[in-house]
Amino acid sequence: MAVENVLTSPHRRTQTQFSTQSPASKKLFPPDVSFASLIQRHRFLLTALVLLVLLCTVYLYFAVTLGSNGSCSGLLGSERELCQLQHTKDSLSSSTRKLKSF
């Protein structure tokens, strides 16, 4: 009886039941590995990547243009530099006042 259980056990199968080809005849890569075939296979991923880049570009454009709500946004040249310097001084003085209060 023990021999019958071993022979009919689902865990004991020969390798010919799983595949009829030898491992050497199996290829890891398909024969057509050209650039065009890669684009066709990954068209969805490439489309999603392009859409993501486009949306990030639009987001960054509006974040930079609409995010500058300072009073220096309309100035040019040395006037802008003086305005930014004044804002930097103001922010530093307000932060030192906050540190002194602790």
C-alpha atoms as a PDB file:
ATOM      1  CA  MET A   1       0.000   0.000   0.000  1.00  0.00           C
ATOM      2  CA  ALA A   2       2.793   2.393   0.718  1.00  0.00           C
ATOM      3  CA  VAL A   3       4.107   2.014  -2.817  1.00  0.00           C
ATOM      4  CA  GLU A   4       0.677   2.798  -4.297  1.00  0.00           C
ATOM      5  CA  ASN A   5       0.399   6.004  -2.240  1.00  0.00           C
ATOM      6  CA  VAL A   6       3.796   7.189  -3.439  1.00  0.00           C
ATOM      7  CA  LEU A   7       2.981   6.522  -7.084  1.00  0.00           C
ATOM      8  CA  THR A   8      -0.430   8.211  -6.980  1.00  0.00           C
ATOM      9  CA  SER A   9       0.655  11.182  -4.864  1.00  0.00           C
ATOM     10  CA  PRO A  10       0.096  14.523  -6.618  1.00  0.00           C
ATOM     11  CA  HIS A  11       3.420  15.787  -5.281  1.00  0.00           C
ATOM     12  CA  ARG A  12       5.392  13.143  -7.139  1.00  0.00           C
ATOM     13  CA  ARG A  13       5.217  13.827 -10.849  1.00  0.00           C
ATOM     14  CA  THR A  14       7.715  13.374 -13.568  1.00  0.00           C
ATOM     15  CA  GLN A  15       9.128  16.342 -15.424  1.00  0.00           C
ATOM     16  CA  THR A  16       7.647  15.241 -18.739  1.00  0.00           C
ATOM     17  CA  GLN A  17       4.166  15.993 -17.428  1.00  0.00           C
ATOM     18  CA  PHE A  18       5.018  19.667 -16.950  1.00  0.00           C
ATOM     19  CA  SER A  19       6.721  20.402 -20.235  1.00  0.00           C
ATOM     20  CA  THR A  20       7.500  18.577 -23.395  1.00  0.00           C
ATOM     21  CA  GLN A  21      10.384  20.849 -24.383  1.00  0.00           C
ATOM     22  CA  SER A  22      13.824  20.776 -22.911  1.00  0.00           C
ATOM     23  CA  PRO A  23      14.917  23.844 -20.911  1.00  0.00           C
ATOM     24  CA  ALA A  24      17.605  24.616 -23.486  1.00  0.00           C
ATOM     25  CA  SER A  25      15.052  25.044 -26.250  1.00  0.00           C
ATOM     26  CA  LYS A  26      13.075  27.653 -24.303  1.00  0.00           C
ATOM     27  CA  LYS A  27      14.119  31.207 -25.053  1.00  0.00           C
ATOM     28  CA  LEU A  28      14.043  33.964 -22.495  1.00  0.00           C
ATOM     29  CA  PHE A  29      13.397  36.731 -25.001  1.00  0.00           C
ATOM     30  CA  PRO A  30      11.007  36.745 -27.918  1.00  0.00           C
ATOM     31  CA  PRO A  31      12.626  36.828 -31.349  1.00  0.00           C
ATOM     32  CA  ASP A  32      11.346  40.359 -32.103  1.00  0.00           C
ATOM     33  CA  VAL A  33      13.055  42.674 -29.619  1.00  0.00           C
ATOM     34  CA  SER A  34      13.048  45.811 -31.723  1.00  0.00           C
ATOM     35  CA  PHE A  35      12.294  49.339 -30.619  1.00  0.00           C
ATOM     36  CA  ALA A  36       8.928  49.321 -32.397  1.00  0.00           C
ATOM     37  CA  SER A  37       7.802  46.153 -30.636  1.00  0.00           C
ATOM     38  CA  LEU A  38       8.765  47.601 -27.254  1.00  0.00           C
ATOM     39  CA  ILE A  39       6.689  50.700 -27.975  1.00  0.00           C
ATOM     40  CA  GLN A  40       3.723  48.581 -29.000  1.00  0.00           C
ATOM     41  CA  ARG A  41       3.940  46.444 -25.884  1.00  0.00           C
ATOM     42  CA  HIS A  42       4.282  49.364 -23.508  1.00  0.00           C
ATOM     43  CA  ARG A  43       2.026  51.868 -25.244  1.00  0.00           C
ATOM     44  CA  PHE A  44      -0.256  52.273 -22.208  1.00  0.00           C
ATOM     45  CA  LEU A  45       2.640  52.907 -19.841  1.00  0.00           C
ATOM     46  CA  LEU A  46       4.279  55.362 -22.216  1.00  0.00           C
ATOM     47  CA  THR A  47       0.992  57.211 -22.681  1.00  0.00           C
ATOM     48  CA  ALA A  48       0.527  57.421 -18.921  1.00  0.00           C
ATOM     49  CA  LEU A  49       4.087  58.695 -18.509  1.00  0.00           C
ATOM     50  CA  VAL A  50       3.612  61.397 -21.154  1.00  0.00           C
ATOM     51  CA  LEU A  51       0.340  62.470 -19.541  1.00  0.00           C
ATOM     52  CA  LEU A  52       2.004  62.621 -16.126  1.00  0.00           C
ATOM     53  CA  VAL A  53       4.847  64.773 -17.465  1.00  0.00           C
ATOM     54  CA  LEU A  54       2.366  67.107 -19.142  1.00  0.00           C
ATOM     55  CA  LEU A  55       0.272  67.509 -16.007  1.00  0.00           C
ATOM     56  CA  CYS A  56       3.340  68.095 -13.832  1.00  0.00           C
ATOM     57  CA  THR A  57       4.600  70.727 -16.261  1.00  0.00           C
ATOM     58  CA  VAL A  58       1.267  72.565 -16.201  1.00  0.00           C
ATOM     59  CA  TYR A  59       1.133  72.333 -12.411  1.00  0.00           C
ATOM     60  CA  LEU A  60       4.652  73.706 -12.009  1.00  0.00           C
ATOM     61  CA  TYR A  61       3.955  76.525 -14.458  1.00  0.00           C
ATOM     62  CA  PHE A  62       0.934  77.705 -12.507  1.00  0.00           C
ATOM     63  CA  ALA A  63       2.602  77.118  -9.141  1.00  0.00           C
ATOM     64  CA  VAL A  64       5.471  79.378 -10.138  1.00  0.00           C
ATOM     65  CA  THR A  65       3.451  82.089 -11.870  1.00  0.00           C
ATOM     66  CA  LEU A  66       0.533  82.264  -9.446  1.00  0.00           C
ATOM     67  CA  GLY A  67       2.562  81.435  -6.362  1.00  0.00           C
ATOM     68  CA  SER A  68       4.564  84.650  -6.404  1.00  0.00           C
ATOM     69  CA  ASN A  69       2.160  86.871  -4.509  1.00  0.00           C
ATOM     70  CA  GLY A  70       4.872  89.147  -3.191  1.00  0.00           C
ATOM     71  CA  SER A  71       4.891  92.849  -3.934  1.00  0.00           C
ATOM     72  CA  CYS A  72       8.073  92.454  -6.008  1.00  0.00           C
ATOM     73  CA  SER A  73       6.433  90.511  -8.828  1.00  0.00           C
ATOM     74  CA  GLY A  74       5.872  93.514 -11.100  1.00  0.00           C
ATOM     75  CA  LEU A  75       9.312  95.075 -10.660  1.00  0.00           C
ATOM     76  CA  LEU A  76      12.339  94.628 -12.903  1.00  0.00           C
ATOM     77  CA  GLY A  77      16.093  94.901 -12.488  1.00  0.00           C
ATOM     78  CA  SER A  78      17.595  96.669  -9.507  1.00  0.00           C
ATOM     79  CA  GLU A  79      14.203  97.685  -8.137  1.00  0.00           C
ATOM     80  CA  ARG A  80      13.251  94.032  -7.840  1.00  0.00           C
ATOM     81  CA  GLU A  81      16.541  93.176  -6.127  1.00  0.00           C
ATOM     82  CA  LEU A  82      16.052  95.984  -3.593  1.00  0.00           C
ATOM     83  CA  CYS A  83      12.495  94.847  -2.943  1.00  0.00           C
ATOM     84  CA  GLN A  84      13.602  91.235  -2.420  1.00  0.00           C
ATOM     85  CA  LEU A  85      16.377  92.413  -0.115  1.00  0.00           C
ATOM     86  CA  GLN A  86      13.840  94.373   1.922  1.00  0.00           C
ATOM     87  CA  HIS A  87      11.554  91.331   2.173  1.00  0.00           C
ATOM     88  CA  THR A  88      14.497  89.188   3.277  1.00  0.00           C
ATOM     89  CA  LYS A  89      15.388  91.713   5.990  1.00  0.00           C
ATOM     90  CA  ASP A  90      11.777  91.829   7.147  1.00  0.00           C
ATOM     91  CA  SER A  91      11.499  88.046   7.335  1.00  0.00           C
ATOM     92  CA  LEU A  92      14.780  87.761   9.241  1.00  0.00           C
ATOM     93  CA  SER A  93      13.781  90.447  11.736  1.00  0.00           C
ATOM     94  CA  SER A  94      10.391  88.797  12.323  1.00  0.00           C
ATOM     95  CA  SER A  95      12.037  85.413  12.880  1.00  0.00           C
ATOM     96  CA  THR A  96      14.522  86.876  15.377  1.00  0.00           C
ATOM     97  CA  ARG A  97      11.626  88.506  17.246  1.00  0.00           C
ATOM     98  CA  LYS A  98       9.957  85.093  17.465  1.00  0.00           C
ATOM     99  CA  LEU A  99      13.182  83.547  18.815  1.00  0.00           C
ATOM    100  CA  LYS A 100      13.599  86.274  21.413  1.00  0.00           C
ATOM    101  CA  SER A 101      10.090  85.716  22.770  1.00  0.00           C
ATOM    102  CA  PHE A 102      10.927  82.149  23.847  1.00  0.00           C
END
